[in-house]
mmCIF file of all heavy atoms, coordinates in Angstrom:
data_MODEL
# 
_entry.id   MODEL 
# 
loop_
_atom_site.group_PDB 
_atom_site.id 
_atom_site.type_symbol 
_atom_site.label_atom_id 
_atom_site.label_alt_id 
_atom_site.label_comp_id 
_atom_site.label_asym_id 
_atom_site.label_entity_id 
_atom_site.label_seq_id 
_atom_site.pdbx_PDB_ins_code 
_atom_site.Cartn_x 
_atom_site.Cartn_y 
_atom_site.Cartn_z 
_atom_site.occupancy 
_atom_site.B_iso_or_equiv 
_atom_site.pdbx_formal_charge 
_atom_site.auth_seq_id 
_atom_site.auth_comp_id 
_atom_site.auth_asym_id 
_atom_site.auth_atom_id 
_atom_site.pdbx_PDB_model_num 
ATOM 1   N N   . ASP A 1 1  ? 0.352   0.811   21.356 1.00 0.00 ? 1  ASP A N   1 
ATOM 2   C CA  . ASP A 1 1  ? 1.029   -0.029  22.342 1.00 0.00 ? 1  ASP A CA  1 
ATOM 3   C C   . ASP A 1 1  ? 0.408   -1.418  22.416 1.00 0.00 ? 1  ASP A C   1 
ATOM 4   O O   . ASP A 1 1  ? 1.122   -2.435  22.437 1.00 0.00 ? 1  ASP A O   1 
ATOM 5   C CB  . ASP A 1 1  ? 0.974   0.668   23.702 1.00 0.00 ? 1  ASP A CB  1 
ATOM 6   C CG  . ASP A 1 1  ? 2.027   0.175   24.675 1.00 0.00 ? 1  ASP A CG  1 
ATOM 7   O OD1 . ASP A 1 1  ? 3.064   -0.356  24.222 1.00 0.00 ? 1  ASP A OD1 1 
ATOM 8   O OD2 . ASP A 1 1  ? 1.825   0.340   25.894 1.00 0.00 ? 1  ASP A OD2 1 
ATOM 9   N N   . VAL A 1 2  ? -0.922  -1.494  22.444 1.00 0.00 ? 2  VAL A N   1 
ATOM 10  C CA  . VAL A 1 2  ? -1.563  -2.810  22.543 1.00 0.00 ? 2  VAL A CA  1 
ATOM 11  C C   . VAL A 1 2  ? -1.406  -3.595  21.238 1.00 0.00 ? 2  VAL A C   1 
ATOM 12  O O   . VAL A 1 2  ? -1.231  -4.821  21.270 1.00 0.00 ? 2  VAL A O   1 
ATOM 13  C CB  . VAL A 1 2  ? -3.049  -2.718  22.954 1.00 0.00 ? 2  VAL A CB  1 
ATOM 14  C CG1 . VAL A 1 2  ? -3.189  -2.133  24.337 1.00 0.00 ? 2  VAL A CG1 1 
ATOM 15  C CG2 . VAL A 1 2  ? -3.877  -1.939  21.956 1.00 0.00 ? 2  VAL A CG2 1 
ATOM 16  N N   . LEU A 1 3  ? -1.432  -2.911  20.104 1.00 0.00 ? 3  LEU A N   1 
ATOM 17  C CA  . LEU A 1 3  ? -1.204  -3.609  18.833 1.00 0.00 ? 3  LEU A CA  1 
ATOM 18  C C   . LEU A 1 3  ? 0.221   -4.143  18.755 1.00 0.00 ? 3  LEU A C   1 
ATOM 19  O O   . LEU A 1 3  ? 0.465   -5.260  18.275 1.00 0.00 ? 3  LEU A O   1 
ATOM 20  C CB  . LEU A 1 3  ? -1.471  -2.664  17.660 1.00 0.00 ? 3  LEU A CB  1 
ATOM 21  C CG  . LEU A 1 3  ? -2.940  -2.334  17.384 1.00 0.00 ? 3  LEU A CG  1 
ATOM 22  C CD1 . LEU A 1 3  ? -3.042  -1.149  16.429 1.00 0.00 ? 3  LEU A CD1 1 
ATOM 23  C CD2 . LEU A 1 3  ? -3.676  -3.542  16.804 1.00 0.00 ? 3  LEU A CD2 1 
ATOM 24  N N   . SER A 1 4  ? 1.173   -3.360  19.239 1.00 0.00 ? 4  SER A N   1 
ATOM 25  C CA  . SER A 1 4  ? 2.565   -3.798  19.248 1.00 0.00 ? 4  SER A CA  1 
ATOM 26  C C   . SER A 1 4  ? 2.749   -5.024  20.137 1.00 0.00 ? 4  SER A C   1 
ATOM 27  O O   . SER A 1 4  ? 3.479   -5.964  19.782 1.00 0.00 ? 4  SER A O   1 
ATOM 28  C CB  . SER A 1 4  ? 3.460   -2.658  19.727 1.00 0.00 ? 4  SER A CB  1 
ATOM 29  O OG  . SER A 1 4  ? 4.796   -3.087  19.872 1.00 0.00 ? 4  SER A OG  1 
ATOM 30  N N   . LYS A 1 5  ? 2.090   -5.031  21.306 1.00 0.00 ? 5  LYS A N   1 
ATOM 31  C CA  . LYS A 1 5  ? 2.181   -6.207  22.186 1.00 0.00 ? 5  LYS A CA  1 
ATOM 32  C C   . LYS A 1 5  ? 1.656   -7.453  21.480 1.00 0.00 ? 5  LYS A C   1 
ATOM 33  O O   . LYS A 1 5  ? 2.268   -8.531  21.548 1.00 0.00 ? 5  LYS A O   1 
ATOM 34  C CB  . LYS A 1 5  ? 1.404   -5.946  23.486 1.00 0.00 ? 5  LYS A CB  1 
ATOM 35  C CG  . LYS A 1 5  ? 1.305   -7.143  24.443 1.00 0.00 ? 5  LYS A CG  1 
ATOM 36  C CD  . LYS A 1 5  ? 2.657   -7.659  24.892 1.00 0.00 ? 5  LYS A CD  1 
ATOM 37  C CE  . LYS A 1 5  ? 3.393   -6.680  25.784 1.00 0.00 ? 5  LYS A CE  1 
ATOM 38  N NZ  . LYS A 1 5  ? 2.753   -6.507  27.101 1.00 0.00 ? 5  LYS A NZ  1 
ATOM 39  N N   . ALA A 1 6  ? 0.543   -7.323  20.780 1.00 0.00 ? 6  ALA A N   1 
ATOM 40  C CA  . ALA A 1 6  ? -0.016  -8.456  20.043 1.00 0.00 ? 6  ALA A CA  1 
ATOM 41  C C   . ALA A 1 6  ? 0.961   -8.943  18.974 1.00 0.00 ? 6  ALA A C   1 
ATOM 42  O O   . ALA A 1 6  ? 1.153   -10.147 18.783 1.00 0.00 ? 6  ALA A O   1 
ATOM 43  C CB  . ALA A 1 6  ? -1.349  -8.066  19.418 1.00 0.00 ? 6  ALA A CB  1 
ATOM 44  N N   . ALA A 1 7  ? 1.587   -7.998  18.265 1.00 0.00 ? 7  ALA A N   1 
ATOM 45  C CA  . ALA A 1 7  ? 2.570   -8.372  17.239 1.00 0.00 ? 7  ALA A CA  1 
ATOM 46  C C   . ALA A 1 7  ? 3.754   -9.097  17.867 1.00 0.00 ? 7  ALA A C   1 
ATOM 47  O O   . ALA A 1 7  ? 4.276   -10.076 17.310 1.00 0.00 ? 7  ALA A O   1 
ATOM 48  C CB  . ALA A 1 7  ? 3.037   -7.131  16.495 1.00 0.00 ? 7  ALA A CB  1 
ATOM 49  N N   . GLN A 1 8  ? 4.184   -8.637  19.041 1.00 0.00 ? 8  GLN A N   1 
ATOM 50  C CA  . GLN A 1 8  ? 5.305   -9.285  19.730 1.00 0.00 ? 8  GLN A CA  1 
ATOM 51  C C   . GLN A 1 8  ? 4.956   -10.715 20.109 1.00 0.00 ? 8  GLN A C   1 
ATOM 52  O O   . GLN A 1 8  ? 5.802   -11.617 20.024 1.00 0.00 ? 8  GLN A O   1 
ATOM 53  C CB  . GLN A 1 8  ? 5.684   -8.493  20.972 1.00 0.00 ? 8  GLN A CB  1 
ATOM 54  C CG  . GLN A 1 8  ? 6.358   -7.164  20.692 1.00 0.00 ? 8  GLN A CG  1 
ATOM 55  C CD  . GLN A 1 8  ? 6.583   -6.383  21.969 1.00 0.00 ? 8  GLN A CD  1 
ATOM 56  O OE1 . GLN A 1 8  ? 7.165   -6.869  22.930 1.00 0.00 ? 8  GLN A OE1 1 
ATOM 57  N NE2 . GLN A 1 8  ? 6.100   -5.140  22.001 1.00 0.00 ? 8  GLN A NE2 1 
ATOM 58  N N   . ILE A 1 9  ? 3.727   -10.945 20.551 1.00 0.00 ? 9  ILE A N   1 
ATOM 59  C CA  . ILE A 1 9  ? 3.301   -12.310 20.903 1.00 0.00 ? 9  ILE A CA  1 
ATOM 60  C C   . ILE A 1 9  ? 3.356   -13.211 19.678 1.00 0.00 ? 9  ILE A C   1 
ATOM 61  O O   . ILE A 1 9  ? 3.878   -14.345 19.728 1.00 0.00 ? 9  ILE A O   1 
ATOM 62  C CB  . ILE A 1 9  ? 1.889   -12.284 21.518 1.00 0.00 ? 9  ILE A CB  1 
ATOM 63  C CG1 . ILE A 1 9  ? 1.919   -11.571 22.867 1.00 0.00 ? 9  ILE A CG1 1 
ATOM 64  C CG2 . ILE A 1 9  ? 1.331   -13.695 21.657 1.00 0.00 ? 9  ILE A CG2 1 
ATOM 65  C CD1 . ILE A 1 9  ? 0.552   -11.236 23.429 1.00 0.00 ? 9  ILE A CD1 1 
ATOM 66  N N   . TYR A 1 10 ? 2.846   -12.699 18.556 1.00 0.00 ? 10 TYR A N   1 
ATOM 67  C CA  . TYR A 1 10 ? 2.872   -13.482 17.307 1.00 0.00 ? 10 TYR A CA  1 
ATOM 68  C C   . TYR A 1 10 ? 4.311   -13.785 16.895 1.00 0.00 ? 10 TYR A C   1 
ATOM 69  O O   . TYR A 1 10 ? 4.665   -14.939 16.607 1.00 0.00 ? 10 TYR A O   1 
ATOM 70  C CB  . TYR A 1 10 ? 2.158   -12.713 16.199 1.00 0.00 ? 10 TYR A CB  1 
ATOM 71  C CG  . TYR A 1 10 ? 2.246   -13.385 14.844 1.00 0.00 ? 10 TYR A CG  1 
ATOM 72  C CD1 . TYR A 1 10 ? 1.360   -14.413 14.507 1.00 0.00 ? 10 TYR A CD1 1 
ATOM 73  C CD2 . TYR A 1 10 ? 3.219   -13.017 13.920 1.00 0.00 ? 10 TYR A CD2 1 
ATOM 74  C CE1 . TYR A 1 10 ? 1.452   -15.056 13.271 1.00 0.00 ? 10 TYR A CE1 1 
ATOM 75  C CE2 . TYR A 1 10 ? 3.317   -13.646 12.689 1.00 0.00 ? 10 TYR A CE2 1 
ATOM 76  C CZ  . TYR A 1 10 ? 2.429   -14.657 12.375 1.00 0.00 ? 10 TYR A CZ  1 
ATOM 77  O OH  . TYR A 1 10 ? 2.522   -15.284 11.156 1.00 0.00 ? 10 TYR A OH  1 
ATOM 78  N N   . LEU A 1 11 ? 5.161   -12.768 16.884 1.00 0.00 ? 11 LEU A N   1 
ATOM 79  C CA  . LEU A 1 11 ? 6.536   -12.949 16.418 1.00 0.00 ? 11 LEU A CA  1 
ATOM 80  C C   . LEU A 1 11 ? 7.345   -13.820 17.378 1.00 0.00 ? 11 LEU A C   1 
ATOM 81  O O   . LEU A 1 11 ? 8.226   -14.575 16.951 1.00 0.00 ? 11 LEU A O   1 
ATOM 82  C CB  . LEU A 1 11 ? 7.195   -11.588 16.229 1.00 0.00 ? 11 LEU A CB  1 
ATOM 83  C CG  . LEU A 1 11 ? 6.586   -10.727 15.114 1.00 0.00 ? 11 LEU A CG  1 
ATOM 84  C CD1 . LEU A 1 11 ? 7.161   -9.311  15.146 1.00 0.00 ? 11 LEU A CD1 1 
ATOM 85  C CD2 . LEU A 1 11 ? 6.807   -11.353 13.740 1.00 0.00 ? 11 LEU A CD2 1 
ATOM 86  N N   . THR A 1 12 ? 7.053   -13.731 18.676 1.00 0.00 ? 12 THR A N   1 
ATOM 87  C CA  . THR A 1 12 ? 7.744   -14.583 19.644 1.00 0.00 ? 12 THR A CA  1 
ATOM 88  C C   . THR A 1 12 ? 7.385   -16.044 19.425 1.00 0.00 ? 12 THR A C   1 
ATOM 89  O O   . THR A 1 12 ? 8.265   -16.928 19.441 1.00 0.00 ? 12 THR A O   1 
ATOM 90  C CB  . THR A 1 12 ? 7.397   -14.155 21.079 1.00 0.00 ? 12 THR A CB  1 
ATOM 91  O OG1 . THR A 1 12 ? 7.803   -12.804 21.280 1.00 0.00 ? 12 THR A OG1 1 
ATOM 92  C CG2 . THR A 1 12 ? 8.086   -15.052 22.103 1.00 0.00 ? 12 THR A CG2 1 
ATOM 93  N N   . ALA A 1 13 ? 6.104   -16.320 19.203 1.00 0.00 ? 13 ALA A N   1 
ATOM 94  C CA  . ALA A 1 13 ? 5.688   -17.696 18.927 1.00 0.00 ? 13 ALA A CA  1 
ATOM 95  C C   . ALA A 1 13 ? 6.349   -18.224 17.654 1.00 0.00 ? 13 ALA A C   1 
ATOM 96  O O   . ALA A 1 13 ? 6.849   -19.365 17.621 1.00 0.00 ? 13 ALA A O   1 
ATOM 97  C CB  . ALA A 1 13 ? 4.163   -17.762 18.803 1.00 0.00 ? 13 ALA A CB  1 
ATOM 98  N N   . LYS A 1 14 ? 6.392   -17.386 16.612 1.00 0.00 ? 14 LYS A N   1 
ATOM 99  C CA  . LYS A 1 14 ? 7.030   -17.813 15.360 1.00 0.00 ? 14 LYS A CA  1 
ATOM 100 C C   . LYS A 1 14 ? 8.516   -18.086 15.573 1.00 0.00 ? 14 LYS A C   1 
ATOM 101 O O   . LYS A 1 14 ? 9.072   -19.043 15.016 1.00 0.00 ? 14 LYS A O   1 
ATOM 102 C CB  . LYS A 1 14 ? 6.836   -16.742 14.293 1.00 0.00 ? 14 LYS A CB  1 
ATOM 103 C CG  . LYS A 1 14 ? 5.402   -16.551 13.838 1.00 0.00 ? 14 LYS A CG  1 
ATOM 104 C CD  . LYS A 1 14 ? 4.858   -17.748 13.059 1.00 0.00 ? 14 LYS A CD  1 
ATOM 105 C CE  . LYS A 1 14 ? 5.351   -17.752 11.634 1.00 0.00 ? 14 LYS A CE  1 
ATOM 106 N NZ  . LYS A 1 14 ? 4.687   -18.834 10.837 1.00 0.00 ? 14 LYS A NZ  1 
ATOM 107 N N   . SER A 1 15 ? 9.166   -17.275 16.401 1.00 0.00 ? 15 SER A N   1 
ATOM 108 C CA  . SER A 1 15 ? 10.594  -17.482 16.656 1.00 0.00 ? 15 SER A CA  1 
ATOM 109 C C   . SER A 1 15 ? 10.840  -18.754 17.458 1.00 0.00 ? 15 SER A C   1 
ATOM 110 O O   . SER A 1 15 ? 11.949  -19.301 17.422 1.00 0.00 ? 15 SER A O   1 
ATOM 111 C CB  . SER A 1 15 ? 11.184  -16.274 17.392 1.00 0.00 ? 15 SER A CB  1 
ATOM 112 O OG  . SER A 1 15 ? 10.759  -16.242 18.745 1.00 0.00 ? 15 SER A OG  1 
ATOM 113 N N   . MET A 1 16 ? 9.805   -19.228 18.166 1.00 0.00 ? 16 MET A N   1 
ATOM 114 C CA  . MET A 1 16 ? 9.901   -20.486 18.919 1.00 0.00 ? 16 MET A CA  1 
ATOM 115 C C   . MET A 1 16 ? 9.610   -21.694 18.032 1.00 0.00 ? 16 MET A C   1 
ATOM 116 O O   . MET A 1 16 ? 9.702   -22.832 18.481 1.00 0.00 ? 16 MET A O   1 
ATOM 117 C CB  . MET A 1 16 ? 8.933   -20.446 20.101 1.00 0.00 ? 16 MET A CB  1 
ATOM 118 C CG  . MET A 1 16 ? 9.312   -19.418 21.162 1.00 0.00 ? 16 MET A CG  1 
ATOM 119 S SD  . MET A 1 16 ? 7.973   -19.123 22.354 1.00 0.00 ? 16 MET A SD  1 
ATOM 120 C CE  . MET A 1 16 ? 7.953   -20.682 23.235 1.00 0.00 ? 16 MET A CE  1 
ATOM 121 N N   . GLY A 1 17 ? 9.245   -21.420 16.783 1.00 0.00 ? 17 GLY A N   1 
ATOM 122 C CA  . GLY A 1 17 ? 9.093   -22.508 15.817 1.00 0.00 ? 17 GLY A CA  1 
ATOM 123 C C   . GLY A 1 17 ? 7.676   -22.954 15.553 1.00 0.00 ? 17 GLY A C   1 
ATOM 124 O O   . GLY A 1 17 ? 7.467   -23.992 14.916 1.00 0.00 ? 17 GLY A O   1 
ATOM 125 N N   . PHE A 1 18 ? 6.691   -22.192 16.033 1.00 0.00 ? 18 PHE A N   1 
ATOM 126 C CA  . PHE A 1 18 ? 5.302   -22.581 15.744 1.00 0.00 ? 18 PHE A CA  1 
ATOM 127 C C   . PHE A 1 18 ? 4.468   -21.343 15.451 1.00 0.00 ? 18 PHE A C   1 
ATOM 128 O O   . PHE A 1 18 ? 4.823   -20.228 15.825 1.00 0.00 ? 18 PHE A O   1 
ATOM 129 C CB  . PHE A 1 18 ? 4.689   -23.359 16.922 1.00 0.00 ? 18 PHE A CB  1 
ATOM 130 C CG  . PHE A 1 18 ? 4.490   -22.538 18.176 1.00 0.00 ? 18 PHE A CG  1 
ATOM 131 C CD1 . PHE A 1 18 ? 3.265   -21.905 18.431 1.00 0.00 ? 18 PHE A CD1 1 
ATOM 132 C CD2 . PHE A 1 18 ? 5.504   -22.411 19.105 1.00 0.00 ? 18 PHE A CD2 1 
ATOM 133 C CE1 . PHE A 1 18 ? 3.083   -21.155 19.583 1.00 0.00 ? 18 PHE A CE1 1 
ATOM 134 C CE2 . PHE A 1 18 ? 5.324   -21.661 20.259 1.00 0.00 ? 18 PHE A CE2 1 
ATOM 135 C CZ  . PHE A 1 18 ? 4.116   -21.034 20.497 1.00 0.00 ? 18 PHE A CZ  1 
ATOM 136 N N   . THR A 1 19 ? 3.354   -21.577 14.744 1.00 0.00 ? 19 THR A N   1 
ATOM 137 C CA  . THR A 1 19 ? 2.407   -20.500 14.470 1.00 0.00 ? 19 THR A CA  1 
ATOM 138 C C   . THR A 1 19 ? 1.383   -20.474 15.596 1.00 0.00 ? 19 THR A C   1 
ATOM 139 O O   . THR A 1 19 ? 0.750   -21.495 15.876 1.00 0.00 ? 19 THR A O   1 
ATOM 140 C CB  . THR A 1 19 ? 1.691   -20.725 13.131 1.00 0.00 ? 19 THR A CB  1 
ATOM 141 O OG1 . THR A 1 19 ? 2.676   -20.739 12.082 1.00 0.00 ? 19 THR A OG1 1 
ATOM 142 C CG2 . THR A 1 19 ? 0.678   -19.619 12.854 1.00 0.00 ? 19 THR A CG2 1 
ATOM 143 N N   . PRO A 1 20 ? 1.212   -19.337 16.268 1.00 0.00 ? 20 PRO A N   1 
ATOM 144 C CA  . PRO A 1 20 ? 0.278   -19.298 17.408 1.00 0.00 ? 20 PRO A CA  1 
ATOM 145 C C   . PRO A 1 20 ? -1.151  -19.580 16.970 1.00 0.00 ? 20 PRO A C   1 
ATOM 146 O O   . PRO A 1 20 ? -1.586  -19.156 15.906 1.00 0.00 ? 20 PRO A O   1 
ATOM 147 C CB  . PRO A 1 20 ? 0.432   -17.875 17.944 1.00 0.00 ? 20 PRO A CB  1 
ATOM 148 C CG  . PRO A 1 20 ? 0.989   -17.080 16.814 1.00 0.00 ? 20 PRO A CG  1 
ATOM 149 C CD  . PRO A 1 20 ? 1.839   -18.018 16.021 1.00 0.00 ? 20 PRO A CD  1 
ATOM 150 N N   . GLU A 1 21 ? -1.850  -20.297 17.818 1.00 0.00 ? 21 GLU A N   1 
ATOM 151 C CA  . GLU A 1 21 ? -3.225  -20.693 17.507 1.00 0.00 ? 21 GLU A CA  1 
ATOM 152 C C   . GLU A 1 21 ? -4.162  -19.497 17.477 1.00 0.00 ? 21 GLU A C   1 
ATOM 153 O O   . GLU A 1 21 ? -5.033  -19.383 16.615 1.00 0.00 ? 21 GLU A O   1 
ATOM 154 C CB  . GLU A 1 21 ? -3.687  -21.704 18.558 1.00 0.00 ? 21 GLU A CB  1 
ATOM 155 C CG  . GLU A 1 21 ? -5.090  -22.215 18.365 1.00 0.00 ? 21 GLU A CG  1 
ATOM 156 C CD  . GLU A 1 21 ? -5.485  -23.185 19.470 1.00 0.00 ? 21 GLU A CD  1 
ATOM 157 O OE1 . GLU A 1 21 ? -5.773  -22.708 20.593 1.00 0.00 ? 21 GLU A OE1 1 
ATOM 158 O OE2 . GLU A 1 21 ? -5.485  -24.404 19.222 1.00 0.00 ? 21 GLU A OE2 1 
ATOM 159 N N   . GLY A 1 22 ? -4.001  -18.592 18.432 1.00 0.00 ? 22 GLY A N   1 
ATOM 160 C CA  . GLY A 1 22 ? -4.889  -17.432 18.511 1.00 0.00 ? 22 GLY A CA  1 
ATOM 161 C C   . GLY A 1 22 ? -6.250  -17.791 19.072 1.00 0.00 ? 22 GLY A C   1 
ATOM 162 O O   . GLY A 1 22 ? -6.661  -18.959 19.076 1.00 0.00 ? 22 GLY A O   1 
ATOM 163 N N   . THR A 1 23 ? -6.954  -16.788 19.573 1.00 0.00 ? 23 THR A N   1 
ATOM 164 C CA  . THR A 1 23 ? -8.318  -17.032 20.042 1.00 0.00 ? 23 THR A CA  1 
ATOM 165 C C   . THR A 1 23 ? -9.229  -17.256 18.842 1.00 0.00 ? 23 THR A C   1 
ATOM 166 O O   . THR A 1 23 ? -8.983  -16.732 17.751 1.00 0.00 ? 23 THR A O   1 
ATOM 167 C CB  . THR A 1 23 ? -8.835  -15.838 20.868 1.00 0.00 ? 23 THR A CB  1 
ATOM 168 O OG1 . THR A 1 23 ? -8.703  -14.641 20.091 1.00 0.00 ? 23 THR A OG1 1 
ATOM 169 C CG2 . THR A 1 23 ? -8.046  -15.669 22.152 1.00 0.00 ? 23 THR A CG2 1 
ATOM 170 N N   . SER A 1 24 ? -10.273 -18.015 19.053 1.00 0.00 ? 24 SER A N   1 
ATOM 171 C CA  . SER A 1 24 ? -11.194 -18.336 17.953 1.00 0.00 ? 24 SER A CA  1 
ATOM 172 C C   . SER A 1 24 ? -12.122 -17.154 17.665 1.00 0.00 ? 24 SER A C   1 
ATOM 173 O O   . SER A 1 24 ? -12.257 -16.240 18.485 1.00 0.00 ? 24 SER A O   1 
ATOM 174 C CB  . SER A 1 24 ? -12.029 -19.559 18.327 1.00 0.00 ? 24 SER A CB  1 
ATOM 175 O OG  . SER A 1 24 ? -12.905 -19.236 19.412 1.00 0.00 ? 24 SER A OG  1 
ATOM 176 N N   . GLN A 1 25 ? -12.770 -17.203 16.520 1.00 0.00 ? 25 GLN A N   1 
ATOM 177 C CA  . GLN A 1 25 ? -13.738 -16.166 16.185 1.00 0.00 ? 25 GLN A CA  1 
ATOM 178 C C   . GLN A 1 25 ? -14.871 -16.148 17.201 1.00 0.00 ? 25 GLN A C   1 
ATOM 179 O O   . GLN A 1 25 ? -15.361 -15.078 17.591 1.00 0.00 ? 25 GLN A O   1 
ATOM 180 C CB  . GLN A 1 25 ? -14.307 -16.407 14.783 1.00 0.00 ? 25 GLN A CB  1 
ATOM 181 C CG  . GLN A 1 25 ? -15.211 -15.283 14.283 1.00 0.00 ? 25 GLN A CG  1 
ATOM 182 C CD  . GLN A 1 25 ? -14.479 -13.951 14.182 1.00 0.00 ? 25 GLN A CD  1 
ATOM 183 O OE1 . GLN A 1 25 ? -13.445 -13.855 13.549 1.00 0.00 ? 25 GLN A OE1 1 
ATOM 184 N NE2 . GLN A 1 25 ? -15.019 -12.914 14.817 1.00 0.00 ? 25 GLN A NE2 1 
ATOM 185 N N   . GLU A 1 26 ? -15.260 -17.331 17.687 1.00 0.00 ? 26 GLU A N   1 
ATOM 186 C CA  . GLU A 1 26 ? -16.322 -17.414 18.702 1.00 0.00 ? 26 GLU A CA  1 
ATOM 187 C C   . GLU A 1 26 ? -15.888 -16.723 19.989 1.00 0.00 ? 26 GLU A C   1 
ATOM 188 O O   . GLU A 1 26 ? -16.680 -15.983 20.604 1.00 0.00 ? 26 GLU A O   1 
ATOM 189 C CB  . GLU A 1 26 ? -16.650 -18.885 18.982 1.00 0.00 ? 26 GLU A CB  1 
ATOM 190 C CG  . GLU A 1 26 ? -17.772 -19.066 20.002 1.00 0.00 ? 26 GLU A CG  1 
ATOM 191 C CD  . GLU A 1 26 ? -18.076 -20.534 20.286 1.00 0.00 ? 26 GLU A CD  1 
ATOM 192 O OE1 . GLU A 1 26 ? -17.490 -21.404 19.615 1.00 0.00 ? 26 GLU A OE1 1 
ATOM 193 O OE2 . GLU A 1 26 ? -18.897 -20.796 21.182 1.00 0.00 ? 26 GLU A OE2 1 
# 
């Protein structure tokens, strides 16, 4: 469920026309 939510956030951002920045490694 939590992995799916993360995938949805990524795909939603891509559908809005940008690649999500994401949290940094730090």
